[in-house]
Protein backbone atom coordinates (compact mmCIF):
# COMPACT_ATOMS: atom_id res chain seq x y z
CA MET A 1 18.58 -28.60 -38.85
CA VAL A 2 17.23 -26.19 -36.33
CA MET A 3 19.75 -24.21 -34.23
CA VAL A 4 18.70 -23.26 -30.80
CA GLY A 5 20.65 -20.48 -29.15
CA LEU A 6 21.34 -20.82 -25.45
CA VAL A 7 22.22 -17.95 -23.19
CA SER A 8 24.43 -18.81 -20.15
CA ALA A 9 23.64 -17.73 -16.63
CA PRO A 10 26.53 -15.39 -16.47
CA ASP A 11 25.39 -13.73 -19.65
CA LEU A 12 22.01 -13.20 -18.13
CA LEU A 13 23.35 -11.79 -14.94
CA ALA A 14 25.64 -9.45 -16.94
CA ALA A 15 22.57 -8.03 -18.61
CA GLU A 16 21.29 -6.77 -15.37
CA ALA A 17 22.59 -3.46 -13.82
CA GLY A 18 25.63 -4.13 -11.67
CA GLY A 19 25.88 -7.71 -13.01
CA VAL A 20 23.43 -9.18 -10.41
CA PHE A 21 19.67 -9.76 -10.78
CA ARG A 22 17.80 -8.42 -7.74
CA TRP A 23 15.07 -10.78 -6.72
CA ARG A 24 13.57 -8.72 -3.88
CA PRO A 25 12.22 -5.91 -6.12
CA PHE A 26 10.89 -8.41 -8.64
CA LEU A 27 9.09 -10.75 -6.17
CA GLY A 28 7.97 -8.26 -3.63
CA PRO A 29 5.22 -6.63 -5.67
CA PHE A 30 3.57 -10.12 -6.14
CA HIS A 31 2.48 -9.79 -2.45
CA SER A 32 -0.34 -7.48 -3.62
CA VAL A 33 -1.56 -10.20 -6.16
CA LEU A 34 -1.30 -13.17 -3.90
CA LEU A 35 -2.85 -11.68 -0.82
CA HIS A 36 -6.37 -12.05 -2.32
CA PHE A 37 -6.11 -15.90 -2.30
CA PRO A 38 -5.99 -16.45 1.52
CA ILE A 39 -8.82 -13.94 2.00
CA GLY A 40 -10.86 -15.78 -0.51
CA PHE A 41 -10.11 -19.31 0.82
CA VAL A 42 -10.77 -18.36 4.47
CA THR A 43 -14.06 -16.56 3.55
CA MET A 44 -15.18 -19.60 1.48
CA ALA A 45 -14.30 -21.93 4.40
CA PHE A 46 -16.41 -19.84 6.74
CA LEU A 47 -19.42 -19.74 4.43
CA VAL A 48 -19.22 -23.39 3.62
CA ASP A 49 -19.10 -24.19 7.44
CA LEU A 50 -22.30 -22.15 7.87
CA TYR A 51 -23.86 -24.46 5.29
CA TYR A 52 -22.53 -27.54 7.24
CA LEU A 53 -24.30 -26.32 10.41
CA TRP A 54 -27.58 -26.21 8.42
CA ARG A 55 -27.04 -29.63 6.72
CA LYS A 56 -24.46 -31.63 8.57
CA GLN A 57 -22.69 -33.83 6.05
CA LEU A 58 -19.14 -34.99 6.77
CA GLU A 59 -18.24 -34.56 3.09
CA VAL A 60 -18.69 -30.79 3.44
CA GLN A 61 -15.92 -30.74 6.08
CA HIS A 62 -13.64 -32.49 3.71
CA VAL A 63 -14.09 -29.58 1.27
CA ILE A 64 -13.34 -27.10 4.17
CA THR A 65 -10.15 -29.05 4.95
CA LEU A 66 -9.08 -28.59 1.35
CA MET A 67 -9.88 -24.85 1.45
CA LEU A 68 -8.00 -24.29 4.65
CA GLY A 69 -5.02 -26.24 3.40
CA LEU A 70 -4.90 -23.94 0.36
CA SER A 71 -5.26 -20.96 2.66
CA VAL A 72 -2.32 -22.04 4.75
CA ALA A 73 -0.14 -22.49 1.65
CA SER A 74 -1.17 -19.13 0.18
CA THR A 75 -0.96 -17.32 3.48
CA LEU A 76 2.62 -18.41 4.21
CA LEU A 77 3.71 -17.42 0.62
CA THR A 78 1.91 -14.10 0.98
CA VAL A 79 3.66 -13.38 4.25
CA LEU A 80 7.06 -14.26 2.72
CA LEU A 81 6.42 -11.96 -0.21
CA GLY A 82 5.16 -9.23 2.22
CA VAL A 83 8.46 -9.35 4.05
CA LEU A 84 10.38 -8.92 0.76
CA ARG A 85 8.02 -6.08 -0.24
CA GLY A 86 8.61 -4.22 3.02
CA THR A 87 12.43 -4.48 3.17
CA GLY A 88 12.88 -1.20 1.36
CA ALA A 89 12.58 2.35 2.85
CA GLU A 90 9.41 3.38 1.11
CA TYR A 91 6.98 2.90 4.07
CA ASP A 92 6.44 4.47 7.43
CA PRO A 93 8.17 2.05 9.85
CA VAL A 94 5.41 2.11 12.43
CA THR A 95 2.54 1.37 9.99
CA LEU A 96 4.71 -1.20 8.20
CA ALA A 97 5.52 -2.96 11.51
CA ALA A 98 1.83 -3.10 12.44
CA HIS A 99 0.92 -4.58 9.05
CA GLN A 100 3.64 -7.17 9.09
CA ASN A 101 2.81 -8.25 12.71
CA LEU A 102 -0.84 -8.67 11.77
CA GLY A 103 0.10 -10.61 8.62
CA ILE A 104 2.32 -12.94 10.58
CA ALA A 105 -0.42 -13.30 13.20
CA VAL A 106 -2.88 -14.21 10.37
CA GLY A 107 -0.40 -16.88 9.16
CA VAL A 108 -0.10 -18.47 12.53
CA LEU A 109 -3.89 -18.40 13.23
CA THR A 110 -4.57 -20.02 9.91
CA VAL A 111 -2.20 -22.91 10.51
CA VAL A 112 -3.80 -23.51 13.90
CA THR A 113 -7.33 -23.28 12.49
CA PHE A 114 -6.43 -25.81 9.79
CA VAL A 115 -4.95 -28.25 12.43
CA LEU A 116 -7.97 -27.97 14.75
CA GLN A 117 -10.44 -28.49 11.90
CA TRP A 118 -8.58 -31.56 10.65
CA LEU A 119 -8.29 -33.10 14.04
CA GLY A 120 -11.89 -32.28 14.92
CA TYR A 121 -13.44 -34.04 11.90
CA ARG A 122 -11.01 -36.86 11.21
CA THR A 123 -12.40 -40.32 11.91
CA GLY A 124 -11.72 -41.81 15.32
CA GLY A 125 -11.45 -40.12 18.69
CA GLY A 126 -13.99 -39.49 21.44
CA ASP A 127 -16.92 -37.19 21.09
CA ALA A 128 -15.92 -34.87 23.90
CA PRO A 129 -12.38 -34.07 22.52
CA ARG A 130 -13.83 -33.66 18.99
CA LYS A 131 -16.41 -31.25 20.17
CA LEU A 132 -13.75 -29.15 21.93
CA LEU A 133 -11.57 -29.14 18.74
CA ARG A 134 -14.55 -28.20 16.65
CA GLY A 135 -15.58 -25.30 18.93
CA GLY A 136 -11.92 -24.08 18.93
CA TYR A 137 -11.74 -24.37 15.13
CA ARG A 138 -14.94 -22.28 14.54
CA SER A 139 -13.82 -19.63 17.03
CA LEU A 140 -10.38 -19.33 15.39
CA LEU A 141 -11.95 -19.28 11.87
CA LEU A 142 -14.14 -16.23 12.90
CA GLY A 143 -11.26 -14.57 14.52
CA ASN A 144 -9.12 -15.12 11.53
CA ILE A 145 -11.59 -13.28 9.27
CA VAL A 146 -11.52 -10.35 11.71
CA LEU A 147 -7.84 -10.29 11.72
CA LEU A 148 -7.60 -10.51 7.87
CA ILE A 149 -9.94 -7.38 7.72
CA ILE A 150 -7.67 -5.43 10.12
CA ALA A 151 -4.39 -6.59 8.43
CA GLY A 152 -5.92 -5.63 4.95
CA HIS A 153 -6.92 -2.19 6.36
CA GLU A 154 -3.37 -1.58 7.53
CA GLY A 155 -2.07 -2.71 4.17
CA GLY A 156 -4.43 -0.22 2.50
CA ASN A 157 -3.04 2.51 4.67
CA LEU A 158 0.48 1.66 3.49
CA THR A 159 -0.52 1.64 -0.19
CA HIS A 160 -3.11 4.36 -0.45
CA GLY A 161 -2.70 6.61 2.67
CA SER A 162 -4.53 6.49 6.01
CA ASN A 163 -7.70 8.28 4.69
CA TYR A 164 -8.18 6.22 1.57
CA LEU A 165 -11.56 4.93 2.80
CA THR A 166 -12.91 8.29 3.94
CA LYS A 167 -11.41 10.91 1.58
CA ASN A 168 -14.48 10.81 -0.64
CA ALA A 169 -16.94 10.32 2.23
CA PRO A 170 -19.69 12.84 3.19
CA GLN A 171 -18.46 15.48 5.68
CA PHE A 172 -20.52 14.03 8.55
CA VAL A 173 -18.79 10.68 8.05
CA LYS A 174 -15.38 12.37 8.08
CA ALA A 175 -16.28 14.18 11.30
CA MET A 176 -17.04 10.90 13.02
CA VAL A 177 -13.96 8.85 11.93
CA GLU A 178 -11.10 11.41 11.43
CA GLU A 179 -9.20 12.44 14.47
CA GLU A 180 -8.69 15.95 13.10
CA PRO A 181 -11.13 16.94 10.40
CA ALA A 182 -9.36 18.62 7.54
CA THR A 183 -9.51 22.40 7.62
CA PRO A 184 -11.11 23.83 4.52
CA ALA A 185 -8.59 25.59 2.33
CA ALA A 186 -10.59 28.86 2.29
CA ALA A 187 -10.49 29.09 6.17
CA ALA A 188 -6.76 28.21 6.25
CA ALA A 189 -6.12 30.87 3.63
CA GLY A 190 -7.58 33.56 5.72
CA GLY A 191 -4.27 35.05 6.79
CA ALA A 192 -2.17 34.08 3.70
CA ASN A 193 -1.10 36.22 0.89
CA GLU A 194 -2.28 35.81 -2.64
CA HIS A 195 0.38 33.31 -3.68
CA GLU A 196 -0.11 31.24 -0.50
CA LYS A 197 -3.85 31.25 -1.07
CA PHE A 198 -3.23 29.85 -4.59
CA TYR A 199 -1.18 27.00 -3.02
CA LEU A 200 -3.86 26.18 -0.47
CA GLU A 201 -6.78 26.35 -2.91
CA LYS A 202 -5.28 24.88 -6.12
CA VAL A 203 -2.08 23.08 -5.41
CA LYS A 204 -2.31 21.40 -1.95
CA PRO A 205 -5.61 19.66 -2.67
CA LEU A 206 -4.01 18.35 -5.77
CA PHE A 207 -0.93 17.00 -3.91
CA ASP A 208 -3.26 15.55 -1.14
CA THR A 209 -5.40 13.52 -3.60
CA LYS A 210 -2.95 12.44 -6.24
CA CYS A 211 0.59 12.41 -4.57
CA LEU A 212 0.41 11.65 -0.84
CA SER A 213 -0.66 8.00 -1.23
CA CYS A 214 2.71 7.18 -2.53
CA HIS A 215 4.72 10.08 -1.10
CA GLY A 216 3.10 10.84 2.22
CA PRO A 217 3.47 9.79 5.90
CA GLU A 218 2.65 6.10 5.41
CA LYS A 219 4.58 5.54 2.16
CA GLN A 220 7.66 7.33 0.72
CA LYS A 221 8.25 5.79 -2.76
CA GLY A 222 11.68 6.57 -3.92
CA LYS A 223 12.42 8.01 -0.38
CA TYR A 224 10.44 11.14 -1.37
CA ARG A 225 7.56 12.65 0.56
CA MET A 226 5.48 15.69 -0.16
CA ASP A 227 3.94 16.35 3.18
CA GLN A 228 7.06 17.93 4.64
CA PRO A 229 7.98 21.11 2.71
CA ALA A 230 11.83 20.95 3.14
CA ILE A 231 11.92 17.35 1.88
CA ALA A 232 9.26 18.00 -0.90
CA LEU A 233 11.57 20.50 -2.54
CA LYS A 234 14.75 18.42 -2.26
CA GLY A 235 13.60 15.22 -3.93
CA GLY A 236 14.41 11.53 -3.20
CA ASP A 237 16.54 8.74 -4.52
CA SER A 238 17.05 10.49 -7.82
CA GLU A 239 19.10 13.20 -6.12
CA LYS A 240 17.48 15.68 -8.62
CA LEU A 241 16.03 18.95 -7.28
CA ALA A 242 12.24 18.19 -7.09
CA VAL A 243 11.18 21.91 -6.95
CA LYS A 244 13.37 24.90 -7.70
CA PRO A 245 11.35 27.93 -6.55
CA GLY A 246 10.90 30.41 -9.39
CA ASP A 247 12.16 28.00 -12.11
CA PRO A 248 9.58 25.31 -12.90
CA PHE A 249 11.39 23.78 -15.86
CA ALA A 250 14.46 23.24 -13.75
CA SER A 251 12.28 21.24 -11.26
CA ASN A 252 12.26 17.49 -11.57
CA LEU A 253 8.73 17.37 -10.40
CA VAL A 254 7.58 19.32 -13.47
CA ARG A 255 9.62 17.10 -15.77
CA LEU A 256 7.92 14.02 -14.31
CA ILE A 257 4.29 15.27 -14.62
CA LEU A 258 4.93 16.35 -18.28
CA LEU A 259 6.11 12.92 -19.29
CA PRO A 260 3.97 10.92 -21.78
CA ALA A 261 1.42 8.55 -20.05
CA THR A 262 3.31 5.61 -21.47
CA ASP A 263 6.63 6.55 -19.78
CA ASP A 264 7.59 4.40 -16.83
CA ASP A 265 8.64 7.50 -14.89
CA VAL A 266 5.49 9.58 -15.40
CA MET A 267 3.85 10.98 -12.21
CA PRO A 268 1.36 10.09 -11.08
CA PRO A 269 1.95 6.58 -12.36
CA THR A 270 -0.51 4.97 -14.69
CA GLY A 271 -3.66 3.95 -12.88
CA LYS A 272 -3.21 6.50 -10.04
CA GLY A 273 -5.10 9.26 -11.68
CA SER A 274 -3.21 11.46 -14.23
CA LEU A 275 -3.10 15.17 -13.95
CA THR A 276 -5.28 17.37 -16.17
CA PRO A 277 -3.70 20.20 -18.21
CA GLU A 278 -5.17 22.65 -15.85
CA GLU A 279 -3.68 20.90 -12.85
CA VAL A 280 -0.21 20.78 -14.53
CA MET A 281 -0.51 24.58 -15.01
CA HIS A 282 -1.41 24.98 -11.37
CA VAL A 283 1.82 23.29 -10.36
CA ILE A 284 3.85 25.25 -12.82
CA ARG A 285 2.37 28.67 -11.77
CA TRP A 286 2.92 27.78 -8.02
CA ILE A 287 6.63 27.08 -8.70
CA GLN A 288 6.90 30.31 -10.75
CA GLN A 289 5.50 32.16 -7.84
CA GLY A 290 8.41 30.88 -5.70
CA ALA A 291 6.72 27.66 -4.39
CA PRO A 292 5.29 29.38 -1.26
CA ILE A 293 3.96 27.17 1.54
CA PRO A 294 1.99 28.92 4.33
CA GLY A 295 3.43 28.50 7.75
CA HIS A 296 6.94 27.81 6.50
CA THR A 297 9.65 30.36 6.01
CA ALA A 298 11.94 30.53 2.98
CA ALA A 299 14.72 29.01 5.23
CA ASP A 300 12.51 26.06 6.05
CA THR A 301 11.92 25.19 2.41
CA LYS A 302 15.21 26.29 1.01
CA PRO A 303 16.36 23.52 -1.41
CA PRO A 304 19.89 22.19 -1.31
CA VAL A 305 22.56 23.80 -3.56
CA GLU A 306 22.84 21.80 -6.75
CA LYS A 307 26.33 20.29 -7.45
C-alpha cells in the first residue's frame, strides 16, 4: 500500500515568513518573461499582413486573426504582471509611470486592432465599410509596433538605466544622443586631491557600469541608490551601514561583493557582471581612504550612527 502525504494549506502558509505567501513578488518578475510574446505576435501579424498585400488570400487573414487574438491575451496578462512588478519602491516614479501608461496604451491599441481586423475580414458587410475597417486596422497595427518599441525602451530604462543603449557606443554617438556628455574622469579630477582622483578614475566608473542599473536614478532595488552620496553610504532596506568610511570590513557593501558567486545576496547579482579581484580591491581601498567623493563635504556623506 502506497502512502501519500498531504500538506494542508495552513501548513504551507505557515512555512512562509509571517505565515502568509506573498504573490506579488513571486508573479511580478514573470512580466519580464511574458512581455516578449505580444511583441512577437504583433510583429508576426504585421509581416504576414505584408505577405497578404502581395498575395491576397483570405486564409492568410484568418492566421492574422489568430495571431492578434494571442497578442491580446498575452498583452493583457503582461500589463497585469507589470502592474504587480511596479507596485514596489524600486523604480523612479516618473519613469515607471511613463512605462506603465505606454504599456496600458499598447493593451488598448492591441484590442482595438484585433476588433477592426476581425470586422474588416469577416464574411458579409458592404465593401465600403470593410475597406474603412481594413485601413484602420493596418494603421493601428503599424502604430502598435511603434508604441511597443517606445514602451520597451522605457522598460529598458527601468531595468538597465537610461544609458543602457549608448554606454558602450562610440564617443560621437554619445555626443549626438546624450543630453550632457559624460565628463572624462581625468578632467573632473583636475582639482581633486589624490584620494578623490582615485575615486573618480577607479571607483566611480565601476559603480556607473556595474551598480547604477539597479541602484541608480531609474531603479532603486532594495530602496538603495548609489548616485547620491549620502544615501550610498547609509544603505537601503537591510538597514545595515553600506559604507563605513575608513573601515571596509564593517561596510555592508564590501560584505556583499565578497560573497560567493552562488550566494543569493552577492552583488552584483549573477548575470549582471561580477567584480574582478582588482575591482574589489579598488572599492576596499577607497573605503580605507575614508570614502571621499569630490564635490561633497564630510557632512554631506556622513553615515547615520549605528544603533
